[in-house]
Protein backbone atom coordinates (compact mmCIF):
# COMPACT_ATOMS: atom_id res chain seq x y z
CA UNK A 1 -62.48 25.92 -58.97
CA UNK A 2 -59.24 24.54 -60.36
CA UNK A 3 -55.68 25.82 -60.39
CA UNK A 4 -52.72 24.63 -62.43
CA UNK A 5 -49.02 25.25 -61.82
CA UNK A 6 -47.78 25.97 -65.35
CA UNK A 7 -44.32 27.37 -64.64
CA UNK A 8 -41.78 26.37 -62.00
CA UNK A 9 -38.58 28.29 -61.31
CA UNK A 10 -36.07 25.85 -59.85
CA UNK A 11 -33.42 26.84 -57.29
CA UNK A 12 -30.74 26.74 -60.00
CA UNK A 13 -32.67 29.37 -62.01
CA UNK A 14 -33.97 26.97 -64.65
CA UNK A 15 -37.61 27.45 -65.69
CA UNK A 16 -39.79 24.38 -66.24
CA UNK A 17 -42.82 25.10 -68.43
CA UNK A 18 -46.08 23.24 -68.96
CA UNK A 19 -44.56 21.65 -72.09
CA UNK A 20 -42.32 19.52 -69.88
CA UNK A 21 -44.96 18.79 -67.24
CA UNK A 22 -47.57 16.08 -67.73
CA UNK A 23 -51.09 17.41 -68.43
CA UNK A 24 -52.35 15.91 -65.15
CA UNK A 25 -49.38 17.10 -63.09
CA UNK A 26 -49.75 19.99 -60.62
CA UNK A 27 -53.43 20.56 -61.33
CA UNK A 28 -55.55 20.85 -58.19
CA UNK A 29 -59.20 21.34 -57.23
CA UNK A 30 -60.06 24.03 -54.70
CA UNK A 31 -59.43 27.70 -54.11
CA UNK A 32 -56.16 28.74 -55.74
CA UNK A 33 -53.41 29.92 -53.41
CA UNK A 34 -52.48 33.60 -53.65
CA UNK A 35 -49.07 35.13 -54.35
CA UNK A 36 -46.78 34.37 -51.41
CA UNK A 37 -48.55 31.15 -50.38
CA UNK A 38 -46.66 27.86 -50.28
CA UNK A 39 -47.72 24.55 -51.84
CA UNK A 40 -46.26 21.20 -52.81
CA UNK A 41 -45.52 20.56 -56.50
CA UNK A 42 -44.14 17.66 -58.53
CA UNK A 43 -41.45 18.13 -61.14
CA UNK A 44 -38.88 15.83 -62.75
CA UNK A 45 -39.68 12.91 -60.50
CA UNK A 46 -39.55 14.73 -57.19
CA UNK A 47 -41.95 16.63 -54.96
CA UNK A 48 -40.93 19.86 -53.25
CA UNK A 49 -42.30 22.99 -51.61
CA UNK A 50 -42.79 26.05 -53.77
CA UNK A 51 -44.01 29.63 -53.33
CA UNK A 52 -46.57 31.24 -55.64
CA UNK A 53 -44.94 34.20 -57.44
CA UNK A 54 -47.58 34.99 -60.09
CA UNK A 55 -51.17 34.19 -60.95
CA UNK A 56 -53.64 34.81 -58.14
CA UNK A 57 -53.49 38.02 -56.16
CA UNK A 58 -55.15 38.50 -52.77
CA UNK A 59 -58.82 39.45 -53.19
CA UNK A 60 -59.25 37.96 -56.69
CA UNK A 61 -60.59 34.56 -55.59
CA UNK A 62 -64.21 35.72 -55.63
CA UNK A 63 -63.97 37.18 -59.15
CA UNK A 64 -63.28 33.86 -60.93
CA UNK A 65 -66.01 31.80 -62.62
CA UNK A 66 -66.53 28.36 -61.06
CA UNK A 67 -65.18 26.55 -64.15
CA UNK A 68 -62.04 28.72 -64.49
CA UNK A 69 -58.58 27.12 -64.41
CA UNK A 70 -56.26 29.61 -62.71
CA UNK A 71 -52.66 29.39 -64.03
CA UNK A 72 -49.91 29.82 -61.44
CA UNK A 73 -46.17 30.33 -61.53
CA UNK A 74 -44.12 29.18 -58.56
CA UNK A 75 -40.52 29.14 -57.36
CA UNK A 76 -38.82 26.27 -55.57
CA UNK A 77 -37.95 27.01 -51.93
């Protein structure tokens, strides 16, 4: 399974969308993290920790097809 961070809310409130991110940036193989989980993301030349705020709710992991790309939204912490 694959998951892709498509939106990032920065600490200053600015929202970075997939239009600004490279197509190969913040796309990962494996089980997608659920809302509340933390992960490392890359944005604007830096890497930082972020928390999932939308996209994969607890208990939904088993309902996805194997070839699904799960879109996530995160906030910088």
